[in-house]
């Protein structure tokens, strides 16, 4: 099954919010409360799944984590670079027609 991991990063003052995605193939279906480890995640390197949405017809699963909240002044660009370095993208354009 195709699984899309969805991670948002936001500044505490809500001035910036972005979403990052990583698509993987797996025979294991993740569930709310499971922990996922990814080399892009800041410490702790495992993030708990808050929500999953499964489309059995299309064999797709979306996994959502709690947002990462950064203090104003933290370097958002370095976090974005870290995620992209590990295969995450900041826009998901994929048609399932």
Protein backbone atom coordinates (compact mmCIF):
# COMPACT_ATOMS: atom_id res chain seq x y z
CA UNK A 1 0.00 0.00 0.00
CA UNK A 2 1.15 3.54 -0.73
CA UNK A 3 1.53 5.54 2.48
CA UNK A 4 1.97 9.31 2.52
CA UNK A 5 3.48 10.75 5.69
CA UNK A 6 2.26 14.32 6.37
CA UNK A 7 4.15 16.65 8.70
CA UNK A 8 3.41 20.33 9.22
CA UNK A 9 5.80 22.89 10.63
CA UNK A 10 4.54 26.19 12.03
CA UNK A 11 5.93 29.17 13.85
CA UNK A 12 4.46 29.74 17.32
CA UNK A 13 3.03 33.10 16.25
CA UNK A 14 1.18 31.39 13.35
CA UNK A 15 2.85 33.68 10.79
CA UNK A 16 4.20 30.72 8.79
CA UNK A 17 2.79 27.24 8.28
CA UNK A 18 3.98 24.66 5.77
CA UNK A 19 3.26 21.01 5.11
CA UNK A 20 5.79 18.38 4.12
CA UNK A 21 5.12 14.95 2.59
CA UNK A 22 6.96 11.70 2.07
CA UNK A 23 5.48 8.75 0.20
CA UNK A 24 6.57 5.19 0.96
CA UNK A 25 5.39 1.68 0.10
CA UNK A 26 4.54 -0.69 2.94
CA UNK A 27 2.47 -3.78 3.67
CA UNK A 28 2.08 -2.56 7.25
CA UNK A 29 -0.90 -0.29 7.95
CA UNK A 30 -0.09 2.38 10.53
CA UNK A 31 -2.59 3.33 13.22
CA UNK A 32 -3.19 6.30 15.49
CA UNK A 33 -0.86 6.06 18.45
CA UNK A 34 1.89 4.24 16.53
CA UNK A 35 5.30 5.87 16.45
CA UNK A 36 7.18 6.44 13.19
CA UNK A 37 10.92 7.01 13.03
CA UNK A 38 12.45 9.05 10.21
CA UNK A 39 15.92 10.50 9.91
CA UNK A 40 14.43 13.92 9.07
CA UNK A 41 12.60 14.25 12.40
CA UNK A 42 14.19 16.45 15.03
CA UNK A 43 14.66 14.90 18.48
CA UNK A 44 12.86 12.83 19.58
CA UNK A 45 13.41 10.98 16.33
CA UNK A 46 10.07 9.17 16.57
CA UNK A 47 6.79 10.98 16.05
CA UNK A 48 3.40 9.70 17.16
CA UNK A 49 0.67 9.29 14.56
CA UNK A 50 -2.31 11.52 15.33
CA UNK A 51 -4.55 10.46 12.47
CA UNK A 52 -4.68 7.98 9.58
CA UNK A 53 -6.95 8.08 6.56
CA UNK A 54 -7.17 4.86 4.55
CA UNK A 55 -8.67 4.58 1.08
CA UNK A 56 -8.87 0.83 0.46
CA UNK A 57 -10.29 1.29 -3.03
CA UNK A 58 -7.21 3.23 -4.20
CA UNK A 59 -4.80 1.41 -1.85
CA UNK A 60 -3.70 4.72 -0.27
CA UNK A 61 -3.06 5.67 3.33
CA UNK A 62 -2.32 9.16 4.67
CA UNK A 63 -0.59 9.50 8.02
CA UNK A 64 -0.71 12.76 9.97
CA UNK A 65 1.62 13.81 12.80
CA UNK A 66 1.25 16.64 15.32
CA UNK A 67 2.66 19.89 13.94
CA UNK A 68 6.21 20.85 14.81
CA UNK A 69 6.00 24.29 16.45
CA UNK A 70 9.06 26.48 16.16
CA UNK A 71 9.79 29.55 18.21
CA UNK A 72 9.82 32.85 16.34
CA UNK A 73 13.42 33.37 15.28
CA UNK A 74 14.19 29.66 14.84
CA UNK A 75 15.56 28.89 11.40
CA UNK A 76 12.62 27.49 9.46
CA UNK A 77 14.77 27.12 6.34
CA UNK A 78 17.19 24.75 8.07
CA UNK A 79 14.29 22.53 9.17
CA UNK A 80 12.93 22.53 5.63
CA UNK A 81 16.38 21.63 4.23
CA UNK A 82 16.69 18.78 6.74
CA UNK A 83 13.37 17.28 5.64
CA UNK A 84 14.12 17.69 1.93
CA UNK A 85 17.54 16.09 2.42
CA UNK A 86 15.72 12.98 3.66
CA UNK A 87 13.23 12.66 0.81
CA UNK A 88 10.38 14.89 1.97
CA UNK A 89 8.72 17.36 -0.40
CA UNK A 90 6.82 20.54 0.41
CA UNK A 91 4.09 20.12 -2.20
CA UNK A 92 2.18 17.01 -3.17
CA UNK A 93 0.90 17.07 -6.72
CA UNK A 94 -0.26 13.62 -7.65
CA UNK A 95 -3.34 12.73 -9.60
CA UNK A 96 -4.98 9.33 -9.10
CA UNK A 97 -7.22 9.49 -12.22
